[in-house]
């Protein structure tokens, strides 16, 4: 029996709506933080063109991932933040699940 593994991606058409919903849900679990988001910059670690941003840079061997990150940096960093899950509901209005 052959195992078939499907690959998926989510295409988000209204990024502002998505970011607002996600950030609103995260606010229920953490307070006093800086929310930021941007596309990851892929760098050659042996020849960096500038000081890498620890939040938004990654080894260039992962360029194929085309990653976009959301981060929440607490004003007062703490090691005792518990893991949590968020739910943003149905995304059909602003996104589409695509089978690759």
N, C-alpha and C. Protein backbone atom coordinates (compact mmCIF):
# COMPACT_ATOMS: atom_id res chain seq x y z
N UNK A 1 0.85 -1.18 0.00
CA UNK A 1 0.00 0.00 0.00
C UNK A 1 0.89 1.24 0.00
N UNK A 2 0.66 2.10 -0.96
CA UNK A 2 1.45 3.32 -1.10
C UNK A 2 0.81 4.45 -0.29
N UNK A 3 1.63 5.12 0.49
CA UNK A 3 1.16 6.26 1.29
C UNK A 3 1.21 7.51 0.43
N UNK A 4 0.08 8.19 0.32
CA UNK A 4 0.02 9.42 -0.47
C UNK A 4 -0.04 10.61 0.49
N UNK A 5 0.92 11.48 0.38
CA UNK A 5 0.95 12.67 1.23
C UNK A 5 0.68 13.87 0.34
N UNK A 6 -0.36 14.59 0.68
CA UNK A 6 -0.69 15.80 -0.08
C UNK A 6 -0.03 17.00 0.56
N UNK A 7 0.30 17.96 -0.28
CA UNK A 7 0.87 19.23 0.20
C UNK A 7 -0.16 20.31 -0.05
N UNK A 8 -0.22 21.25 0.88
CA UNK A 8 -1.20 22.33 0.80
C UNK A 8 -0.52 23.66 1.02
N UNK A 9 -1.20 24.70 0.57
CA UNK A 9 -0.83 26.06 0.92
C UNK A 9 -2.12 26.85 1.10
N UNK A 10 -2.02 27.92 1.84
CA UNK A 10 -3.17 28.80 2.02
C UNK A 10 -2.83 30.12 1.35
N UNK A 11 -3.64 30.51 0.37
CA UNK A 11 -3.48 31.81 -0.28
C UNK A 11 -4.41 32.79 0.41
N UNK A 12 -3.83 33.81 1.02
CA UNK A 12 -4.61 34.81 1.75
C UNK A 12 -4.74 36.05 0.88
N UNK A 13 -5.98 36.41 0.54
CA UNK A 13 -6.24 37.53 -0.35
C UNK A 13 -6.42 38.85 0.38
N UNK A 14 -6.87 38.79 1.62
CA UNK A 14 -7.06 40.01 2.42
C UNK A 14 -6.17 39.90 3.65
N UNK A 15 -4.89 40.23 3.46
CA UNK A 15 -3.90 40.07 4.54
C UNK A 15 -4.24 40.94 5.75
N UNK A 16 -4.80 42.12 5.53
CA UNK A 16 -5.15 42.99 6.65
C UNK A 16 -6.20 42.33 7.55
N UNK A 17 -7.20 41.73 6.96
CA UNK A 17 -8.24 41.05 7.74
C UNK A 17 -7.62 39.88 8.52
N UNK A 18 -6.80 39.09 7.86
CA UNK A 18 -6.16 37.95 8.50
C UNK A 18 -5.30 38.40 9.69
N UNK A 19 -4.44 39.40 9.48
CA UNK A 19 -3.56 39.88 10.55
C UNK A 19 -4.36 40.44 11.72
N UNK A 20 -5.43 41.16 11.43
CA UNK A 20 -6.27 41.73 12.49
C UNK A 20 -6.90 40.62 13.32
N UNK A 21 -7.44 39.60 12.67
CA UNK A 21 -8.08 38.50 13.39
C UNK A 21 -7.07 37.72 14.24
N UNK A 22 -5.92 37.43 13.68
CA UNK A 22 -4.90 36.69 14.42
C UNK A 22 -4.43 37.50 15.62
N UNK A 23 -4.12 38.77 15.40
CA UNK A 23 -3.62 39.60 16.51
C UNK A 23 -4.68 39.76 17.61
N UNK A 24 -5.93 39.90 17.22
CA UNK A 24 -7.02 40.02 18.21
C UNK A 24 -7.09 38.77 19.09
N UNK A 25 -6.92 37.60 18.50
CA UNK A 25 -6.96 36.36 19.27
C UNK A 25 -5.74 36.24 20.18
N UNK A 26 -4.57 36.62 19.69
CA UNK A 26 -3.35 36.53 20.50
C UNK A 26 -3.45 37.46 21.71
N UNK A 27 -4.11 38.61 21.55
CA UNK A 27 -4.27 39.56 22.66
C UNK A 27 -4.98 38.94 23.87
N UNK A 28 -5.72 37.88 23.66
CA UNK A 28 -6.41 37.21 24.76
C UNK A 28 -5.43 36.48 25.68
N UNK A 29 -4.23 36.21 25.18
CA UNK A 29 -3.27 35.39 25.92
C UNK A 29 -2.03 36.14 26.39
N UNK A 30 -1.65 37.18 25.68
CA UNK A 30 -0.47 37.94 26.09
C UNK A 30 -0.78 39.44 26.06
N UNK A 31 -0.09 40.18 26.91
CA UNK A 31 -0.31 41.63 27.02
C UNK A 31 1.01 42.36 26.80
N UNK A 32 0.90 43.63 26.54
CA UNK A 32 2.08 44.51 26.45
C UNK A 32 3.17 43.92 25.55
N UNK A 33 2.89 43.89 24.27
CA UNK A 33 3.83 43.34 23.33
C UNK A 33 3.87 44.20 22.07
N UNK A 34 4.89 43.97 21.29
CA UNK A 34 5.02 44.61 19.98
C UNK A 34 4.71 43.56 18.92
N UNK A 35 3.74 43.82 18.08
CA UNK A 35 3.35 42.91 17.00
C UNK A 35 4.01 43.38 15.71
N UNK A 36 4.67 42.45 15.02
CA UNK A 36 5.33 42.79 13.76
C UNK A 36 5.17 41.63 12.78
N UNK A 37 5.27 41.95 11.51
CA UNK A 37 5.16 40.92 10.48
C UNK A 37 5.90 41.40 9.23
N UNK A 38 6.45 40.45 8.51
CA UNK A 38 7.09 40.75 7.23
C UNK A 38 7.56 39.45 6.60
N UNK A 39 7.92 39.54 5.34
CA UNK A 39 8.50 38.40 4.63
C UNK A 39 9.89 38.13 5.19
N UNK A 40 10.26 36.87 5.24
CA UNK A 40 11.58 36.49 5.72
C UNK A 40 12.62 36.85 4.66
N UNK A 41 13.77 37.33 5.13
CA UNK A 41 14.90 37.60 4.24
C UNK A 41 15.85 36.42 4.33
N UNK A 42 16.15 35.81 3.20
CA UNK A 42 17.04 34.65 3.16
C UNK A 42 18.46 35.14 2.91
N UNK A 43 19.37 34.69 3.77
CA UNK A 43 20.75 35.20 3.71
C UNK A 43 21.77 34.07 3.60
N UNK A 44 22.89 34.41 3.02
CA UNK A 44 24.04 33.52 2.99
C UNK A 44 24.81 33.79 4.29
N UNK A 45 24.87 32.83 5.21
CA UNK A 45 25.52 33.09 6.49
C UNK A 45 27.02 33.35 6.38
N UNK A 46 27.62 32.94 5.27
CA UNK A 46 29.05 33.18 5.09
C UNK A 46 29.34 34.55 4.50
N UNK A 47 28.34 35.16 3.87
CA UNK A 47 28.51 36.48 3.25
C UNK A 47 27.28 37.36 3.51
N UNK A 48 26.96 37.61 4.77
CA UNK A 48 25.78 38.46 5.00
C UNK A 48 26.03 39.88 4.52
N UNK A 49 25.01 40.47 3.91
CA UNK A 49 25.16 41.84 3.40
C UNK A 49 24.99 42.87 4.51
N UNK A 50 24.37 42.43 5.61
CA UNK A 50 24.16 43.29 6.77
C UNK A 50 23.93 42.40 7.98
N UNK A 51 23.79 43.00 9.14
CA UNK A 51 23.50 42.23 10.35
C UNK A 51 22.13 41.59 10.21
N UNK A 52 22.03 40.26 10.31
CA UNK A 52 20.73 39.60 10.14
C UNK A 52 19.75 39.97 11.26
N UNK A 53 18.51 40.13 10.89
CA UNK A 53 17.43 40.35 11.85
C UNK A 53 17.04 38.98 12.40
N UNK A 54 17.22 38.76 13.69
CA UNK A 54 16.98 37.43 14.26
C UNK A 54 15.53 36.98 14.10
N UNK A 55 14.61 37.90 13.97
CA UNK A 55 13.21 37.54 13.84
C UNK A 55 12.80 37.26 12.39
N UNK A 56 13.45 37.91 11.45
CA UNK A 56 12.98 37.85 10.07
C UNK A 56 14.06 37.46 9.06
N UNK A 57 15.05 36.68 9.48
CA UNK A 57 16.03 36.20 8.52
C UNK A 57 16.26 34.71 8.73
N UNK A 58 16.75 34.07 7.67
CA UNK A 58 16.88 32.63 7.68
C UNK A 58 17.93 32.23 6.65
N UNK A 59 18.57 31.10 6.86
CA UNK A 59 19.58 30.58 5.93
C UNK A 59 18.99 30.48 4.52
N UNK A 60 19.77 30.87 3.52
CA UNK A 60 19.26 30.91 2.15
C UNK A 60 18.93 29.54 1.56
N UNK A 61 19.35 28.46 2.22
CA UNK A 61 18.98 27.13 1.71
C UNK A 61 17.47 26.88 1.85
N UNK A 62 16.79 27.74 2.62
CA UNK A 62 15.34 27.60 2.80
C UNK A 62 14.54 28.58 1.94
N UNK A 63 15.16 29.20 0.97
CA UNK A 63 14.50 30.19 0.13
C UNK A 63 13.21 29.65 -0.50
N UNK A 64 13.20 28.38 -0.84
CA UNK A 64 12.01 27.78 -1.47
C UNK A 64 10.77 27.88 -0.59
N UNK A 65 10.95 28.11 0.71
CA UNK A 65 9.80 28.17 1.62
C UNK A 65 9.00 29.47 1.48
N UNK A 66 9.63 30.52 1.00
CA UNK A 66 8.93 31.78 0.78
C UNK A 66 8.09 32.17 1.99
N UNK A 67 8.73 32.24 3.15
CA UNK A 67 8.04 32.39 4.43
C UNK A 67 7.68 33.84 4.77
N UNK A 68 6.55 33.98 5.41
CA UNK A 68 6.07 35.25 5.94
C UNK A 68 5.82 35.02 7.42
N UNK A 69 6.40 35.83 8.29
CA UNK A 69 6.32 35.60 9.74
C UNK A 69 5.52 36.68 10.45
N UNK A 70 4.85 36.23 11.51
CA UNK A 70 4.19 37.11 12.47
C UNK A 70 4.89 36.89 13.80
N UNK A 71 5.24 37.97 14.48
CA UNK A 71 5.89 37.83 15.79
C UNK A 71 5.24 38.75 16.81
N UNK A 72 5.30 38.33 18.06
CA UNK A 72 4.84 39.13 19.18
C UNK A 72 5.99 39.16 20.18
N UNK A 73 6.55 40.35 20.39
CA UNK A 73 7.68 40.50 21.31
C UNK A 73 7.18 41.22 22.55
N UNK A 74 7.23 40.56 23.71
CA UNK A 74 6.75 41.20 24.94
C UNK A 74 7.60 42.39 25.34
N UNK A 75 6.93 43.42 25.89
CA UNK A 75 7.66 44.58 26.42
C UNK A 75 8.59 44.14 27.55
N UNK A 76 8.12 43.23 28.39
CA UNK A 76 8.90 42.69 29.50
C UNK A 76 9.09 41.20 29.28
N UNK A 77 10.17 40.81 28.59
CA UNK A 77 10.37 39.40 28.27
C UNK A 77 10.33 38.51 29.51
N UNK A 78 9.72 37.37 29.32
CA UNK A 78 9.56 36.41 30.41
C UNK A 78 9.68 35.01 29.84
N UNK A 79 10.17 34.12 30.64
CA UNK A 79 10.31 32.73 30.20
C UNK A 79 9.09 31.90 30.57
N UNK A 80 8.11 32.48 31.23
CA UNK A 80 6.98 31.67 31.69
C UNK A 80 5.69 31.92 30.90
N UNK A 81 5.82 32.12 29.60
CA UNK A 81 4.65 32.22 28.73
C UNK A 81 4.25 30.80 28.34
N UNK A 82 3.03 30.45 28.66
CA UNK A 82 2.53 29.11 28.36
C UNK A 82 2.10 29.04 26.89
N UNK A 83 2.24 27.87 26.27
CA UNK A 83 1.73 27.71 24.90
C UNK A 83 0.22 27.91 24.86
N UNK A 84 -0.28 28.38 23.74
CA UNK A 84 -1.73 28.56 23.59
C UNK A 84 -2.11 28.37 22.13
N UNK A 85 -3.38 28.12 21.90
CA UNK A 85 -3.92 27.96 20.56
C UNK A 85 -4.93 29.06 20.30
N UNK A 86 -5.00 29.50 19.05
CA UNK A 86 -5.99 30.51 18.69
C UNK A 86 -6.91 29.94 17.62
N UNK A 87 -8.10 30.50 17.53
CA UNK A 87 -9.04 30.14 16.48
C UNK A 87 -9.55 31.43 15.85
N UNK A 88 -9.46 31.49 14.53
CA UNK A 88 -9.92 32.70 13.82
C UNK A 88 -11.14 32.42 12.96
N UNK A 89 -11.68 31.24 13.06
CA UNK A 89 -12.90 30.92 12.33
C UNK A 89 -12.65 30.59 10.87
N UNK A 90 -13.73 30.56 10.12
CA UNK A 90 -13.71 30.22 8.71
C UNK A 90 -12.98 31.30 7.91
N UNK A 91 -12.08 30.89 7.04
CA UNK A 91 -11.27 31.83 6.27
C UNK A 91 -11.75 31.97 4.82
N UNK A 92 -12.86 31.35 4.46
CA UNK A 92 -13.33 31.36 3.07
C UNK A 92 -13.51 32.76 2.50
N UNK A 93 -13.83 33.72 3.34
CA UNK A 93 -14.09 35.09 2.88
C UNK A 93 -12.83 35.79 2.36
N UNK A 94 -11.67 35.38 2.85
CA UNK A 94 -10.44 36.10 2.49
C UNK A 94 -9.25 35.20 2.17
N UNK A 95 -9.47 33.88 2.06
CA UNK A 95 -8.37 32.97 1.77
C UNK A 95 -8.88 31.71 1.07
N UNK A 96 -7.93 30.98 0.48
CA UNK A 96 -8.29 29.76 -0.23
C UNK A 96 -7.24 28.69 0.06
N UNK A 97 -7.69 27.48 0.38
CA UNK A 97 -6.81 26.34 0.57
C UNK A 97 -6.53 25.72 -0.80
N UNK A 98 -5.25 25.54 -1.13
CA UNK A 98 -4.87 25.02 -2.43
C UNK A 98 -4.10 23.72 -2.22
N UNK A 99 -4.50 22.67 -2.94
CA UNK A 99 -3.77 21.41 -2.92
C UNK A 99 -2.69 21.50 -3.99
N UNK A 100 -1.47 21.25 -3.59
CA UNK A 100 -0.34 21.35 -4.53
C UNK A 100 -0.12 20.03 -5.26
